[in-house]
C-alpha atoms as a PDB file:
ATOM      1  CA  MET A   1     -45.974 -28.892   3.923  1.00  0.00           C
ATOM      2  CA  TRP A   2     -44.762 -33.082   5.029  1.00  0.00           C
ATOM      3  CA  LYS A   3     -43.776 -35.677   3.059  1.00  0.00           C
ATOM      4  CA  TYR A   4     -44.149 -39.417   3.291  1.00  0.00           C
ATOM      5  CA  LEU A   5     -40.884 -41.500   3.333  1.00  0.00           C
ATOM      6  CA  SER A   6     -41.176 -45.131   1.912  1.00  0.00           C
ATOM      7  CA  ASN A   7     -40.490 -46.954   5.314  1.00  0.00           C
ATOM      8  CA  GLY A   8     -43.861 -45.134   6.351  1.00  0.00           C
ATOM      9  CA  ILE A   9     -42.310 -41.963   8.237  1.00  0.00           C
ATOM     10  CA  ILE A  10     -43.268 -38.665   8.028  1.00  0.00           C
ATOM     11  CA  ARG A  11     -41.117 -35.524   7.888  1.00  0.00           C
ATOM     12  CA  PRO A  12     -41.090 -32.205   6.944  1.00  0.00           C
ATOM     13  CA  VAL A  13     -40.011 -31.130   3.849  1.00  0.00           C
ATOM     14  CA  SER A  14     -38.489 -27.663   5.128  1.00  0.00           C
ATOM     15  CA  LEU A  15     -36.520 -30.154   7.194  1.00  0.00           C
ATOM     16  CA  ILE A  16     -34.839 -32.201   4.720  1.00  0.00           C
ATOM     17  CA  ALA A  17     -34.549 -28.727   2.817  1.00  0.00           C
ATOM     18  CA  ALA A  18     -32.485 -27.390   5.695  1.00  0.00           C
ATOM     19  CA  LEU A  19     -30.009 -30.952   5.937  1.00  0.00           C
ATOM     20  CA  ILE A  20     -29.554 -30.607   2.486  1.00  0.00           C
ATOM     21  CA  VAL A  21     -28.653 -27.007   2.587  1.00  0.00           C
ATOM     22  CA  VAL A  22     -25.952 -28.122   5.841  1.00  0.00           C
ATOM     23  CA  VAL A  23     -24.691 -30.992   4.167  1.00  0.00           C
ATOM     24  CA  THR A  24     -23.732 -29.051   0.791  1.00  0.00           C
ATOM     25  CA  SER A  25     -22.094 -26.520   3.092  1.00  0.00           C
ATOM     26  CA  PHE A  26     -20.235 -28.846   5.024  1.00  0.00           C
ATOM     27  CA  GLN A  27     -19.121 -30.153   1.566  1.00  0.00           C
ATOM     28  CA  ALA A  28     -18.037 -26.329  -0.036  1.00  0.00           C
ATOM     29  CA  ASN A  29     -15.938 -25.941   3.821  1.00  0.00           C
ATOM     30  CA  ALA A  30     -14.453 -29.024   3.286  1.00  0.00           C
ATOM     31  CA  GLU A  31     -13.094 -28.241   0.152  1.00  0.00           C
ATOM     32  CA  GLN A  32     -11.881 -24.679   1.208  1.00  0.00           C
ATOM     33  CA  ILE A  33      -7.839 -24.555   1.869  1.00  0.00           C
ATOM     34  CA  ILE A  34      -7.120 -22.105   4.702  1.00  0.00           C
ATOM     35  CA  ALA A  35      -3.364 -20.864   4.497  1.00  0.00           C
ATOM     36  CA  ARG A  36      -1.933 -18.817   6.697  1.00  0.00           C
ATOM     37  CA  MET A  37       0.818 -16.157   5.658  1.00  0.00           C
ATOM     38  CA  SER A  38       2.482 -14.171   8.671  1.00  0.00           C
ATOM     39  CA  GLY A  39       4.242 -10.586   8.058  1.00  0.00           C
ATOM     40  CA  HIS A  40       6.162  -8.688  11.168  1.00  0.00           C
ATOM     41  CA  TRP A  41       5.232  -5.581   9.017  1.00  0.00           C
ATOM     42  CA  SER A  42       2.725  -2.945  10.253  1.00  0.00           C
ATOM     43  CA  PRO A  43      -0.307  -2.839   8.577  1.00  0.00           C
ATOM     44  CA  THR A  44       0.705   0.821   7.217  1.00  0.00           C
ATOM     45  CA  HIS A  45       4.055  -0.885   5.449  1.00  0.00           C
ATOM     46  CA  GLN A  46       4.048  -0.415   1.746  1.00  0.00           C
ATOM     47  CA  SER A  47       5.401  -4.543   1.790  1.00  0.00           C
ATOM     48  CA  SER A  48       1.922  -5.035   3.924  1.00  0.00           C
ATOM     49  CA  ILE A  49      -0.150  -3.443   1.674  1.00  0.00           C
ATOM     50  CA  HIS A  50       1.142  -5.758  -1.284  1.00  0.00           C
ATOM     51  CA  ALA A  51       1.240  -8.835   1.203  1.00  0.00           C
ATOM     52  CA  GLN A  52      -2.591  -7.935   2.043  1.00  0.00           C
ATOM     53  CA  MET A  53      -3.335  -7.498  -1.775  1.00  0.00           C
ATOM     54  CA  PHE A  54      -1.834 -10.422  -2.775  1.00  0.00           C
ATOM     55  CA  ALA A  55      -3.783 -12.631  -0.002  1.00  0.00           C
ATOM     56  CA  ASP A  56      -6.952 -10.603  -0.966  1.00  0.00           C
ATOM     57  CA  GLU A  57      -6.287 -11.618  -4.682  1.00  0.00           C
ATOM     58  CA  VAL A  58      -5.735 -15.009  -4.381  1.00  0.00           C
ATOM     59  CA  THR A  59      -9.177 -15.554  -2.129  1.00  0.00           C
ATOM     60  CA  LYS A  60     -11.211 -13.758  -4.663  1.00  0.00           C
ATOM     61  CA  ARG A  61      -9.886 -15.164  -8.034  1.00  0.00           C
ATOM     62  CA  SER A  62      -9.690 -18.935  -6.393  1.00  0.00           C
ATOM     63  CA  ASP A  63     -13.475 -17.760  -5.672  1.00  0.00           C
ATOM     64  CA  GLY A  64     -12.848 -19.076  -2.039  1.00  0.00           C
ATOM     65  CA  ARG A  65     -11.265 -22.524  -2.583  1.00  0.00           C
ATOM     66  CA  LEU A  66      -8.212 -21.146  -1.548  1.00  0.00           C
ATOM     67  CA  LYS A  67      -7.941 -18.485   1.204  1.00  0.00           C
ATOM     68  CA  ILE A  68      -4.961 -16.564   2.342  1.00  0.00           C
ATOM     69  CA  GLU A  69      -5.052 -14.973   6.009  1.00  0.00           C
ATOM     70  CA  TYR A  70      -2.462 -12.531   6.398  1.00  0.00           C
ATOM     71  CA  TYR A  71      -1.498 -11.732  10.025  1.00  0.00           C
ATOM     72  CA  PRO A  72       0.853  -8.532  10.239  1.00  0.00           C
ATOM     73  CA  SER A  73       2.597  -7.081  12.802  1.00  0.00           C
ATOM     74  CA  LYS A  74       4.266 -10.156  14.014  1.00  0.00           C
ATOM     75  CA  GLN A  75       1.259 -11.816  15.141  1.00  0.00           C
ATOM     76  CA  LEU A  76       2.412 -14.992  14.225  1.00  0.00           C
ATOM     77  CA  PHE A  77       6.742 -14.646  14.019  1.00  0.00           C
ATOM     78  CA  GLY A  78       8.520 -12.032  14.148  1.00  0.00           C
ATOM     79  CA  ILE A  79      11.951 -10.942  11.495  1.00  0.00           C
ATOM     80  CA  ARG A  80      14.199 -13.343  12.312  1.00  0.00           C
ATOM     81  CA  GLU A  81      11.616 -16.084  12.992  1.00  0.00           C
ATOM     82  CA  VAL A  82       9.337 -16.490  10.067  1.00  0.00           C
ATOM     83  CA  LEU A  83      11.655 -18.395   7.578  1.00  0.00           C
ATOM     84  CA  GLY A  84      11.907 -21.721   9.907  1.00  0.00           C
ATOM     85  CA  ALA A  85       8.050 -21.228  10.569  1.00  0.00           C
ATOM     86  CA  ILE A  86       7.748 -21.584   6.492  1.00  0.00           C
ATOM     87  CA  THR A  87      10.454 -24.354   6.614  1.00  0.00           C
ATOM     88  CA  SER A  88       8.714 -26.248   9.680  1.00  0.00           C
ATOM     89  CA  GLY A  89       5.229 -25.526   7.986  1.00  0.00           C
ATOM     90  CA  ALA A  90       3.753 -23.723  11.106  1.00  0.00           C
ATOM     91  CA  VAL A  91       2.794 -20.928   8.374  1.00  0.00           C
ATOM     92  CA  GLU A  92       2.022 -21.617   4.590  1.00  0.00           C
ATOM     93  CA  LEU A  93       3.893 -18.598   3.432  1.00  0.00           C
ATOM     94  CA  GLY A  94       5.552 -15.564   5.262  1.00  0.00           C
ATOM     95  CA  GLY A  95       7.104 -12.128   4.831  1.00  0.00           C
ATOM     96  CA  VAL A  96      10.686 -12.812   4.456  1.00  0.00           C
ATOM     97  CA  VAL A  97      13.361 -10.252   4.481  1.00  0.00           C
ATOM     98  CA  GLY A  98      16.217 -11.715   2.364  1.00  0.00           C
ATOM     99  CA  VAL A  99      19.039 -10.007   4.214  1.00  0.00           C
ATOM    100  CA  VAL A 100      18.249 -11.166   7.069  1.00  0.00           C
ATOM    101  CA  SER A 101      16.971 -14.764   7.059  1.00  0.00           C
ATOM    102  CA  PHE A 102      19.012 -15.920   3.857  1.00  0.00           C
ATOM    103  CA  PRO A 103      22.732 -15.520   4.773  1.00  0.00           C
ATOM    104  CA  PRO A 104      22.403 -17.890   8.345  1.00  0.00           C
ATOM    105  CA  ILE A 105      21.984 -20.563   5.857  1.00  0.00           C
ATOM    106  CA  ASN A 106      24.261 -19.634   2.816  1.00  0.00           C
ATOM    107  CA  LYS A 107      26.949 -16.983   4.195  1.00  0.00           C
ATOM    108  CA  ASN A 108      27.552 -15.703   0.425  1.00  0.00           C
ATOM    109  CA  PHE A 109      23.982 -14.143  -0.050  1.00  0.00           C
ATOM    110  CA  ASN A 110      25.249 -11.135   2.132  1.00  0.00           C
ATOM    111  CA  VAL A 111      26.382  -9.876  -1.067  1.00  0.00           C
ATOM    112  CA  ALA A 112      23.288  -8.467  -1.399  1.00  0.00           C
ATOM    113  CA  SER A 113      23.818  -6.119   1.192  1.00  0.00           C
ATOM    114  CA  TYR A 114      27.341  -5.327  -0.090  1.00  0.00           C
ATOM    115  CA  PRO A 115      27.420  -1.209  -0.227  1.00  0.00           C
ATOM    116  CA  GLY A 116      27.066  -0.026  -4.070  1.00  0.00           C
ATOM    117  CA  LEU A 117      27.300  -3.287  -5.621  1.00  0.00           C
ATOM    118  CA  PHE A 118      24.093  -3.514  -7.389  1.00  0.00           C
ATOM    119  CA  SER A 119      22.014  -0.201  -9.086  1.00  0.00           C
ATOM    120  CA  SER A 120      18.421  -1.842  -8.509  1.00  0.00           C
ATOM    121  CA  TYR A 121      16.109  -4.560  -7.962  1.00  0.00           C
ATOM    122  CA  GLU A 122      16.020  -5.950 -11.118  1.00  0.00           C
ATOM    123  CA  GLN A 123      20.149  -6.156 -11.163  1.00  0.00           C
ATOM    124  CA  GLN A 124      20.166  -7.688  -7.932  1.00  0.00           C
ATOM    125  CA  ARG A 125      17.445 -10.623  -9.005  1.00  0.00           C
ATOM    126  CA  GLY A 126      18.982 -10.835 -11.889  1.00  0.00           C
ATOM    127  CA  PHE A 127      22.124 -11.794 -10.373  1.00  0.00           C
ATOM    128  CA  PHE A 128      20.162 -14.917  -8.618  1.00  0.00           C
ATOM    129  CA  LYS A 129      18.209 -15.718 -11.645  1.00  0.00           C
ATOM    130  CA  ASP A 130      20.389 -15.799 -14.126  1.00  0.00           C
ATOM    131  CA  SER A 131      23.963 -16.192 -13.064  1.00  0.00           C
ATOM    132  CA  ALA A 132      25.262 -19.542 -12.577  1.00  0.00           C
ATOM    133  CA  LYS A 133      26.941 -18.071  -8.905  1.00  0.00           C
ATOM    134  CA  GLY A 134      23.971 -16.527  -7.831  1.00  0.00           C
ATOM    135  CA  GLN A 135      21.424 -19.069  -9.185  1.00  0.00           C
ATOM    136  CA  ALA A 136      23.679 -21.637  -6.766  1.00  0.00           C
ATOM    137  CA  ILE A 137      23.306 -19.742  -3.629  1.00  0.00           C
ATOM    138  CA  TRP A 138      19.593 -19.418  -3.980  1.00  0.00           C
ATOM    139  CA  ASN A 139      19.021 -22.825  -5.277  1.00  0.00           C
ATOM    140  CA  ASP A 140      20.936 -23.615  -1.542  1.00  0.00           C
ATOM    141  CA  ILE A 141      18.882 -21.456   0.181  1.00  0.00           C
ATOM    142  CA  THR A 142      15.405 -22.388  -1.023  1.00  0.00           C
ATOM    143  CA  ALA A 143      16.220 -26.238  -0.685  1.00  0.00           C
ATOM    144  CA  LYS A 144      17.717 -26.034   2.621  1.00  0.00           C
ATOM    145  CA  SER A 145      14.705 -24.190   3.909  1.00  0.00           C
ATOM    146  CA  LYS A 146      12.246 -26.075   1.891  1.00  0.00           C
ATOM    147  CA  SER A 147      10.728 -23.038   0.426  1.00  0.00           C
ATOM    148  CA  GLN A 148       9.618 -21.551  -3.264  1.00  0.00           C
ATOM    149  CA  LEU A 149       9.200 -17.667  -3.882  1.00  0.00           C
ATOM    150  CA  ILE A 150       5.970 -17.008  -4.582  1.00  0.00           C
ATOM    151  CA  MET A 151       6.515 -12.713  -4.777  1.00  0.00           C
ATOM    152  CA  TYR A 152       8.954 -10.301  -4.719  1.00  0.00           C
ATOM    153  CA  ASN A 153       7.569  -7.699  -2.207  1.00  0.00           C
ATOM    154  CA  PRO A 154      10.952  -5.160  -1.322  1.00  0.00           C
ATOM    155  CA  VAL A 155      10.922  -3.069   1.780  1.00  0.00           C
ATOM    156  CA  GLY A 156      12.983  -0.452  -0.142  1.00  0.00           C
ATOM    157  CA  PRO A 157      16.502   1.191  -0.247  1.00  0.00           C
ATOM    158  CA  VAL A 158      18.496   1.669   2.964  1.00  0.00           C
ATOM    159  CA  MET A 159      19.699   4.834   3.957  1.00  0.00           C
ATOM    160  CA  THR A 160      20.810   5.913   7.381  1.00  0.00           C
ATOM    161  CA  PHE A 161      18.726   8.351   9.991  1.00  0.00           C
ATOM    162  CA  SER A 162      19.498   9.732  13.029  1.00  0.00           C
ATOM    163  CA  SER A 163      17.967  11.755  16.314  1.00  0.00           C
ATOM    164  CA  ALA A 164      21.314  12.588  17.476  1.00  0.00           C
ATOM    165  CA  ARG A 165      22.206  15.106  14.751  1.00  0.00           C
ATOM    166  CA  GLU A 166      22.488  16.664  11.459  1.00  0.00           C
ATOM    167  CA  LEU A 167      24.478  13.834   9.172  1.00  0.00           C
ATOM    168  CA  THR A 168      26.907  16.043   7.175  1.00  0.00           C
ATOM    169  CA  GLY A 169      29.086  13.599   6.294  1.00  0.00           C
ATOM    170  CA  ILE A 170      31.138  10.490   7.770  1.00  0.00           C
ATOM    171  CA  ASP A 171      32.846  12.300  11.230  1.00  0.00           C
ATOM    172  CA  VAL A 172      29.409  13.273  12.344  1.00  0.00           C
ATOM    173  CA  MET A 173      28.780   9.524  12.733  1.00  0.00           C
ATOM    174  CA  LYS A 174      31.528   8.995  15.321  1.00  0.00           C
ATOM    175  CA  GLY A 175      29.867   8.003  19.006  1.00  0.00           C
ATOM    176  CA  LEU A 176      26.070   7.288  17.443  1.00  0.00           C
ATOM    177  CA  LYS A 177      24.248   4.362  19.304  1.00  0.00           C
ATOM    178  CA  ALA A 178      23.431   2.529  16.328  1.00  0.00           C
ATOM    179  CA  ARG A 179      20.510  -0.341  15.768  1.00  0.00           C
ATOM    180  CA  ARG A 180      22.390  -3.147  14.175  1.00  0.00           C
ATOM    181  CA  LEU A 181      20.071  -5.784  12.277  1.00  0.00           C
ATOM    182  CA  LEU A 182      22.377  -7.400  10.424  1.00  0.00           C
ATOM    183  CA  LYS A 183      25.589  -8.793  10.661  1.00  0.00           C
ATOM    184  CA  SER A 184      27.096  -7.033   7.192  1.00  0.00           C
ATOM    185  CA  GLU A 185      26.190  -3.674   8.936  1.00  0.00           C
ATOM    186  CA  LEU A 186      28.945  -3.838  11.610  1.00  0.00           C
ATOM    187  CA  PRO A 187      31.749  -3.479   9.508  1.00  0.00           C
ATOM    188  CA  MET A 188      30.097  -0.009   8.455  1.00  0.00           C
ATOM    189  CA  TRP A 189      29.291   1.062  12.370  1.00  0.00           C
ATOM    190  CA  LYS A 190      32.895   0.205  13.619  1.00  0.00           C
ATOM    191  CA  ALA A 191      34.303   2.184  10.490  1.00  0.00           C
ATOM    192  CA  LEU A 192      32.266   5.033  11.162  1.00  0.00           C
ATOM    193  CA  GLU A 193      33.168   4.374  15.056  1.00  0.00           C
ATOM    194  CA  ALA A 194      29.634   4.387  15.958  1.00  0.00           C
ATOM    195  CA  ASN A 195      28.588   1.993  18.921  1.00  0.00           C
ATOM    196  CA  ALA A 196      26.131  -0.816  17.350  1.00  0.00           C
ATOM    197  CA  VAL A 197      23.393  -2.550  19.209  1.00  0.00           C
ATOM    198  CA  SER A 198      21.542  -5.343  17.980  1.00  0.00           C
ATOM    199  CA  LEU A 199      17.794  -4.653  17.937  1.00  0.00           C
ATOM    200  CA  PRO A 200      14.566  -6.460  15.907  1.00  0.00           C
ATOM    201  CA  THR A 201      12.288  -4.673  14.288  1.00  0.00           C
ATOM    202  CA  GLY A 202       9.646  -4.830  17.297  1.00  0.00           C
ATOM    203  CA  GLU A 203      12.454  -3.257  19.674  1.00  0.00           C
ATOM    204  CA  VAL A 204      13.361   0.168  17.771  1.00  0.00           C
ATOM    205  CA  TYR A 205      10.383   2.535  18.823  1.00  0.00           C
ATOM    206  CA  THR A 206      11.214   1.854  22.263  1.00  0.00           C
ATOM    207  CA  SER A 207      14.948   1.701  22.019  1.00  0.00           C
ATOM    208  CA  LEU A 208      14.594   5.256  20.042  1.00  0.00           C
ATOM    209  CA  GLN A 209      12.029   7.053  23.087  1.00  0.00           C
ATOM    210  CA  THR A 210      14.040   5.480  25.550  1.00  0.00           C
ATOM    211  CA  GLY A 211      17.623   6.722  23.808  1.00  0.00           C
ATOM    212  CA  MET A 212      19.079   3.148  23.766  1.00  0.00           C
ATOM    213  CA  ILE A 213      19.802   4.085  20.473  1.00  0.00           C
ATOM    214  CA  ASP A 214      19.532   7.342  18.340  1.00  0.00           C
ATOM    215  CA  THR A 215      20.447   6.021  14.809  1.00  0.00           C
ATOM    216  CA  ILE A 216      19.497   3.448  12.435  1.00  0.00           C
ATOM    217  CA  ASN A 217      20.094   2.115   8.514  1.00  0.00           C
ATOM    218  CA  SER A 218      16.181   1.731   7.422  1.00  0.00           C
ATOM    219  CA  PRO A 219      14.053   1.956   4.170  1.00  0.00           C
ATOM    220  CA  PRO A 220      12.359   5.501   4.190  1.00  0.00           C
ATOM    221  CA  GLY A 221       8.918   3.443   4.324  1.00  0.00           C
ATOM    222  CA  SER A 222       9.616   2.302   7.855  1.00  0.00           C
ATOM    223  CA  ILE A 223      10.347   5.304   9.496  1.00  0.00           C
ATOM    224  CA  GLU A 224       6.781   6.268   8.579  1.00  0.00           C
ATOM    225  CA  ALA A 225       4.952   2.970   8.935  1.00  0.00           C
ATOM    226  CA  TYR A 226       6.361   2.204  12.413  1.00  0.00           C
ATOM    227  CA  SER A 227       6.045   6.247  13.524  1.00  0.00           C
ATOM    228  CA  TRP A 228      10.034   5.762  14.233  1.00  0.00           C
ATOM    229  CA  TRP A 229      10.081   9.257  12.859  1.00  0.00           C
ATOM    230  CA  GLU A 230       8.680  10.527  15.701  1.00  0.00           C
ATOM    231  CA  PHE A 231      12.353  10.913  17.124  1.00  0.00           C
ATOM    232  CA  LEU A 232      14.335  10.701  13.882  1.00  0.00           C
ATOM    233  CA  SER A 233      15.246  14.659  12.290  1.00  0.00           C
ATOM    234  CA  TYR A 234      17.799  13.853  10.177  1.00  0.00           C
ATOM    235  CA  GLY A 235      19.076  11.771   7.118  1.00  0.00           C
ATOM    236  CA  GLN A 236      21.839  11.025   5.343  1.00  0.00           C
ATOM    237  CA  LYS A 237      22.075   9.400   1.544  1.00  0.00           C
ATOM    238  CA  PRO A 238      23.446   7.953  -0.243  1.00  0.00           C
ATOM    239  CA  TYR A 239      21.337   4.728  -0.372  1.00  0.00           C
ATOM    240  CA  GLN A 240      23.418   1.754   0.200  1.00  0.00           C
ATOM    241  CA  TYR A 241      21.639  -1.127  -0.703  1.00  0.00           C
ATOM    242  CA  PHE A 242      18.438  -2.214  -2.260  1.00  0.00           C
ATOM    243  CA  ALA A 243      16.468  -4.429   0.609  1.00  0.00           C
ATOM    244  CA  ASP A 244      14.414  -6.996  -0.785  1.00  0.00           C
ATOM    245  CA  ALA A 245      11.863  -9.095   0.383  1.00  0.00           C
ATOM    246  CA  TYR A 246       9.553 -12.069  -0.732  1.00  0.00           C
ATOM    247  CA  ILE A 247       6.590 -13.979  -0.006  1.00  0.00           C
ATOM    248  CA  MET A 248       7.979 -17.358   0.607  1.00  0.00           C
ATOM    249  CA  ALA A 249       5.906 -20.811   0.748  1.00  0.00           C
ATOM    250  CA  ASN A 250       6.482 -24.103   1.908  1.00  0.00           C
ATOM    251  CA  LYS A 251       7.438 -25.719  -0.845  1.00  0.00           C
ATOM    252  CA  ASP A 252       5.703 -29.191   0.485  1.00  0.00           C
ATOM    253  CA  TRP A 253       2.286 -27.262   0.785  1.00  0.00           C
ATOM    254  CA  MET A 254       2.638 -25.592  -3.055  1.00  0.00           C
ATOM    255  CA  SER A 255       3.098 -29.199  -4.191  1.00  0.00           C
ATOM    256  CA  SER A 256       0.001 -29.971  -2.489  1.00  0.00           C
ATOM    257  CA  LEU A 257      -2.333 -27.527  -4.037  1.00  0.00           C
ATOM    258  CA  PRO A 258      -4.307 -28.589  -6.892  1.00  0.00           C
ATOM    259  CA  GLU A 259      -2.462 -27.309 -10.403  1.00  0.00           C
ATOM    260  CA  ASP A 260      -4.811 -24.521 -11.357  1.00  0.00           C
ATOM    261  CA  LEU A 261      -4.524 -23.194  -7.509  1.00  0.00           C
ATOM    262  CA  ARG A 262      -0.746 -23.491  -7.544  1.00  0.00           C
ATOM    263  CA  ASN A 263      -0.668 -21.734 -10.766  1.00  0.00           C
ATOM    264  CA  LEU A 264      -2.847 -18.729  -9.413  1.00  0.00           C
ATOM    265  CA  VAL A 265      -0.671 -18.194  -6.599  1.00  0.00           C
ATOM    266  CA  LEU A 266       2.300 -17.872  -8.804  1.00  0.00           C
ATOM    267  CA  THR A 267       0.317 -15.810 -10.932  1.00  0.00           C
ATOM    268  CA  VAL A 268      -0.773 -13.178  -8.746  1.00  0.00           C
ATOM    269  CA  GLY A 269       2.762 -13.278  -6.815  1.00  0.00           C
ATOM    270  CA  ALA A 270       4.277 -12.223 -10.075  1.00  0.00           C
ATOM    271  CA  GLU A 271       1.184  -9.300 -10.831  1.00  0.00           C
ATOM    272  CA  VAL A 272       0.980  -7.904  -7.545  1.00  0.00           C
ATOM    273  CA  GLY A 273       5.168  -8.212  -6.886  1.00  0.00           C
ATOM    274  CA  SER A 274       5.238  -6.200 -10.118  1.00  0.00           C
ATOM    275  CA  ILE A 275       3.423  -3.494  -8.798  1.00  0.00           C
ATOM    276  CA  SER A 276       5.004  -3.909  -5.473  1.00  0.00           C
ATOM    277  CA  THR A 277       8.692  -3.017  -7.077  1.00  0.00           C
ATOM    278  CA  ASN A 278       7.054  -0.295  -9.184  1.00  0.00           C
ATOM    279  CA  THR A 279       5.943   1.491  -6.224  1.00  0.00           C
ATOM    280  CA  ILE A 280       8.486   1.451  -3.685  1.00  0.00           C
ATOM    281  CA  LEU A 281      10.805   3.697  -5.100  1.00  0.00           C
ATOM    282  CA  ASN A 282       8.346   6.079  -5.607  1.00  0.00           C
ATOM    283  CA  ALA A 283       6.790   5.529  -1.885  1.00  0.00           C
ATOM    284  CA  GLY A 284       9.895   6.045  -0.490  1.00  0.00           C
ATOM    285  CA  GLU A 285      10.417   9.243  -2.038  1.00  0.00           C
ATOM    286  CA  GLN A 286       7.005  10.304  -0.743  1.00  0.00           C
ATOM    287  CA  THR A 287       7.953   9.447   3.420  1.00  0.00           C
ATOM    288  CA  LEU A 288      11.195  11.868   2.647  1.00  0.00           C
ATOM    289  CA  THR A 289       8.791  14.461   1.231  1.00  0.00           C
ATOM    290  CA  LYS A 290       6.555  14.316   4.234  1.00  0.00           C
ATOM    291  CA  PHE A 291       9.848  13.687   6.339  1.00  0.00           C
ATOM    292  CA  VAL A 292      11.049  17.309   5.329  1.00  0.00           C
ATOM    293  CA  GLU A 293       7.428  18.761   5.953  1.00  0.00           C
ATOM    294  CA  ARG A 294       7.931  17.270   9.518  1.00  0.00           C
ATOM    295  CA  GLY A 295      10.875  19.480   9.900  1.00  0.00           C
ATOM    296  CA  GLY A 296      13.479  16.522   9.103  1.00  0.00           C
ATOM    297  CA  LYS A 297      16.596  17.417   7.169  1.00  0.00           C
ATOM    298  CA  ILE A 298      18.006  14.895   4.407  1.00  0.00           C
ATOM    299  CA  THR A 299      22.208  15.574   3.359  1.00  0.00           C
ATOM    300  CA  GLU A 300      22.999  13.832   0.365  1.00  0.00           C
ATOM    301  CA  LEU A 301      26.467  13.908   0.229  1.00  0.00           C
ATOM    302  CA  SER A 302      28.177  14.942  -2.863  1.00  0.00           C
ATOM    303  CA  GLY A 303      31.752  16.361  -3.529  1.00  0.00           C
ATOM    304  CA  ASP A 304      34.649  16.029  -0.939  1.00  0.00           C
ATOM    305  CA  GLU A 305      32.299  14.564   1.872  1.00  0.00           C
ATOM    306  CA  LYS A 306      30.732  11.708  -0.469  1.00  0.00           C
ATOM    307  CA  ALA A 307      34.614  11.321  -1.844  1.00  0.00           C
ATOM    308  CA  LYS A 308      35.127  10.554   2.055  1.00  0.00           C
ATOM    309  CA  PHE A 309      32.315   8.017   1.980  1.00  0.00           C
ATOM    310  CA  ASP A 310      33.399   6.334  -0.554  1.00  0.00           C
ATOM    311  CA  LYS A 311      37.028   6.154   0.374  1.00  0.00           C
ATOM    312  CA  LEU A 312      35.947   4.614   3.583  1.00  0.00           C
ATOM    313  CA  MET A 313      33.738   2.176   1.869  1.00  0.00           C
ATOM    314  CA  GLN A 314      36.983   0.720  -0.191  1.00  0.00           C
ATOM    315  CA  GLU A 315      39.255   0.796   2.648  1.00  0.00           C
ATOM    316  CA  LYS A 316      37.598  -0.055   5.606  1.00  0.00           C
ATOM    317  CA  VAL A 317      34.139  -1.293   5.219  1.00  0.00           C
ATOM    318  CA  MET A 318      34.626  -3.466   2.109  1.00  0.00           C
ATOM    319  CA  PRO A 319      37.925  -5.396   3.815  1.00  0.00           C
ATOM    320  CA  ALA A 320      36.340  -6.151   6.674  1.00  0.00           C
ATOM    321  CA  MET A 321      33.037  -7.751   4.685  1.00  0.00           C
ATOM    322  CA  ALA A 322      35.426 -10.137   2.912  1.00  0.00           C
ATOM    323  CA  ASP A 323      35.180 -12.942   5.089  1.00  0.00           C
ATOM    324  CA  MET A 324      31.089 -12.840   5.019  1.00  0.00           C
ATOM    325  CA  PHE A 325      31.341 -14.181   1.806  1.00  0.00           C
ATOM    326  CA  ASP A 326      33.532 -16.408  -0.995  1.00  0.00           C
ATOM    327  CA  LYS A 327      35.820 -14.287  -3.076  1.00  0.00           C
ATOM    328  CA  ASP A 328      34.813 -15.743  -5.862  1.00  0.00           C
ATOM    329  CA  THR A 329      30.756 -14.783  -5.333  1.00  0.00           C
ATOM    330  CA  LEU A 330      31.832 -10.884  -4.612  1.00  0.00           C
ATOM    331  CA  SER A 331      33.721 -10.820  -7.907  1.00  0.00           C
ATOM    332  CA  GLU A 332      31.349 -12.713  -9.823  1.00  0.00           C
ATOM    333  CA  ALA A 333      28.556  -9.983  -8.934  1.00  0.00           C
ATOM    334  CA  GLN A 334      30.729  -7.351  -9.458  1.00  0.00           C
ATOM    335  CA  ASN A 335      31.197  -8.846 -13.169  1.00  0.00           C
ATOM    336  CA  TYR A 336      27.502  -9.361 -13.254  1.00  0.00           C
ATOM    337  CA  ALA A 337      26.780  -5.682 -12.343  1.00  0.00           C
ATOM    338  CA  SER A 338      29.117  -3.980 -14.343  1.00  0.00           C
ATOM    339  CA  LYS A 339      27.420  -5.376 -17.816  1.00  0.00           C
END
């Protein structure tokens, strides 16, 4: 079918319709906002699963107006670089492990990895949300990093695993080759007379494989997600601290979003963050069950051995950590945790 235009030129109607479709499609694509989210976790890690859930849900509920593209396995940035990438705007969002990324900005966040201080994620988060000192630390970190909390996405409580020997107490730790991710881990490894090697997450598998290290502190879920349990045969409880992680966004980017999309991001973040928090402890215990089924052995210190562990923490580890945060930070955190 043909159509006569006012200027006398003849055009096929089908061509006009096609042009309308192209223009409409272009306008729709121009309105779509695409955001990249960086994660260092492998796709099977619980934190990665929930990061993907968050990205998919935002994209779905916005009808594609805001598409969040999630890149796991440090395709974009590693565990130590991701917050800097968020700050610079290299990515709009990223998965941040607090005890790794926050202490270089404000050393007082090291209190989060103080052994045995907080008894739950809720208590730890409450300190940074509700107490005057905790709020000051959190606000300083987010202001300096130009970031905004979108979602809690914990990696799990941390315990010790080894390939070298059964972890029946603190004395057997002497001489082990331990991986250190955090500065705050060093006092414990020194007190236990283990040899600490600083390694990012991506190098742990090869280092266990080659024997460069034989012992790590890790949430249970990570030994499964990264296949570290191919080499690890022994575990030791108690859990030392609750390693929290977050989906953080570049604050300027968040402010640039239309209000309805900004609210949607925060709503979905709260919902998926609740799911992540409520499932992480059970997921870790399920991993430990599978670890034992694979032939692994878990020792939970009790009696005299637990008393020796607690004494070591009190007399050697905790004093050695004293310069990692201000004295009033620890005292206020202890007061908060005791309520």
